[in-house]
Amino acid sequence: MKKKKVVLVYITAKDGEEAKRIGRILIEEGLAACGNIFPIRSIYRWEGGIQEDEEVAMFIKTKAELVDEILKKVKEVHSYEVPCIVSFPIEKGCAKFLEWIEKSTK
């Protein structure tokens, strides 16, 4: 079996409930193997001013080939007008964990 590239997708959400809903959708649809959710404090420029808010961030583990589908799905269900959805390649890691990501996604 040829190894597929795996990635982390970083997504921010307004709160834990939204993050859980997004994570569950991605996992149920086979787009993600797993997700981690954690609280963050964000400082950003928006509509001409500096904003500071409590948010929630998620790391989604998936295959690189599924990122476009994840982008589409998250944009459909996310409450933000401009959601943060970015992916990062995983260069190395525990081989069994990376294989599990491949087997746990479509």
Protein backbone atom coordinates (compact mmCIF):
# COMPACT_ATOMS: atom_id res chain seq x y z
CA MET A 1 0.00 0.00 0.00
CA LYS A 2 1.47 3.33 -1.08
CA LYS A 3 1.75 5.81 1.78
CA LYS A 4 -0.45 8.85 1.39
CA LYS A 5 0.51 12.26 2.67
CA VAL A 6 -1.13 13.18 5.94
CA VAL A 7 -1.76 16.70 7.20
CA LEU A 8 -3.00 18.68 10.16
CA VAL A 9 -5.85 21.04 9.38
CA TYR A 10 -6.08 23.98 11.79
CA ILE A 11 -9.55 25.49 12.23
CA THR A 12 -10.80 28.14 14.65
CA ALA A 13 -14.41 28.34 15.86
CA LYS A 14 -16.47 30.69 18.00
CA ASP A 15 -16.89 28.15 20.83
CA GLY A 16 -16.55 24.53 21.88
CA GLU A 17 -20.01 23.55 20.67
CA GLU A 18 -19.32 24.76 17.15
CA ALA A 19 -15.91 23.05 17.14
CA LYS A 20 -17.43 19.76 18.35
CA ARG A 21 -20.14 19.97 15.70
CA ILE A 22 -17.59 20.61 12.93
CA GLY A 23 -15.29 17.84 14.19
CA ARG A 24 -18.12 15.33 14.41
CA ILE A 25 -19.30 16.15 10.87
CA LEU A 26 -15.78 15.70 9.46
CA ILE A 27 -15.26 12.39 11.26
CA GLU A 28 -18.73 11.02 10.44
CA GLU A 29 -18.21 11.83 6.74
CA GLY A 30 -14.81 10.10 6.71
CA LEU A 31 -12.95 13.34 6.05
CA ALA A 32 -10.97 13.22 9.30
CA ALA A 33 -9.55 10.51 11.53
CA CYS A 34 -9.59 12.63 14.66
CA GLY A 35 -9.69 16.14 16.01
CA ASN A 36 -8.35 17.95 19.05
CA ILE A 37 -10.18 20.96 20.46
CA PHE A 38 -8.62 23.52 22.78
CA PRO A 39 -9.44 27.05 24.03
CA ILE A 40 -7.46 30.00 22.66
CA ARG A 41 -7.36 33.78 22.94
CA SER A 42 -7.17 35.48 19.53
CA ILE A 43 -6.07 39.00 18.63
CA TYR A 44 -6.76 40.02 15.05
CA ARG A 45 -7.59 42.87 12.69
CA TRP A 46 -11.21 42.94 11.53
CA GLU A 47 -13.27 45.65 9.84
CA GLY A 48 -10.68 48.36 10.49
CA GLY A 49 -10.07 47.64 14.16
CA ILE A 50 -8.17 45.34 16.48
CA GLN A 51 -10.34 42.60 18.00
CA GLU A 52 -9.62 40.29 20.91
CA ASP A 53 -11.81 37.25 21.58
CA GLU A 54 -11.99 33.89 23.28
CA GLU A 55 -12.22 31.22 20.59
CA VAL A 56 -11.64 27.53 20.18
CA ALA A 57 -9.06 25.94 17.86
CA MET A 58 -8.99 22.46 16.43
CA PHE A 59 -6.34 20.25 14.89
CA ILE A 60 -7.87 17.80 12.43
CA LYS A 61 -5.78 14.82 11.29
CA THR A 62 -6.46 13.68 7.74
CA LYS A 63 -5.04 12.82 4.32
CA ALA A 64 -3.80 15.66 2.11
CA GLU A 65 -6.13 14.53 -0.67
CA LEU A 66 -9.16 15.30 1.54
CA VAL A 67 -8.27 18.92 2.35
CA ASP A 68 -10.33 20.42 -0.49
CA GLU A 69 -13.41 18.51 0.69
CA ILE A 70 -12.76 19.65 4.27
CA LEU A 71 -12.47 23.28 3.12
CA LYS A 72 -15.80 23.02 1.32
CA LYS A 73 -17.61 21.27 4.17
CA VAL A 74 -16.30 23.56 6.92
CA LYS A 75 -17.23 26.67 4.92
CA GLU A 76 -20.77 25.25 4.56
CA VAL A 77 -21.29 24.69 8.30
CA HIS A 78 -19.11 27.37 9.94
CA SER A 79 -20.62 30.48 11.53
CA TYR A 80 -17.74 32.81 10.56
CA GLU A 81 -17.85 34.90 7.41
CA VAL A 82 -14.10 34.26 6.93
CA PRO A 83 -13.22 31.04 8.80
CA CYS A 84 -9.60 30.11 9.49
CA ILE A 85 -9.04 26.76 7.77
CA VAL A 86 -5.41 26.01 6.91
CA SER A 87 -3.44 22.80 6.46
CA PHE A 88 0.11 21.85 7.41
CA PRO A 89 2.00 18.81 6.13
CA ILE A 90 3.10 16.18 8.61
CA GLU A 91 6.67 15.40 7.62
CA LYS A 92 7.35 12.62 10.14
CA GLY A 93 5.58 10.88 12.96
CA CYS A 94 4.77 7.59 14.61
CA ALA A 95 4.32 5.22 11.66
CA LYS A 96 1.42 3.36 13.28
CA PHE A 97 -0.39 6.62 14.04
CA LEU A 98 0.04 7.87 10.46
CA GLU A 99 -1.22 4.52 9.13
CA TRP A 100 -4.23 4.80 11.46
CA ILE A 101 -5.05 8.22 9.95
CA GLU A 102 -4.97 6.69 6.47
CA LYS A 103 -7.17 3.74 7.48
CA SER A 104 -9.64 5.91 9.42
CA THR A 105 -10.47 8.26 6.53
CA LYS A 106 -12.12 7.65 3.18
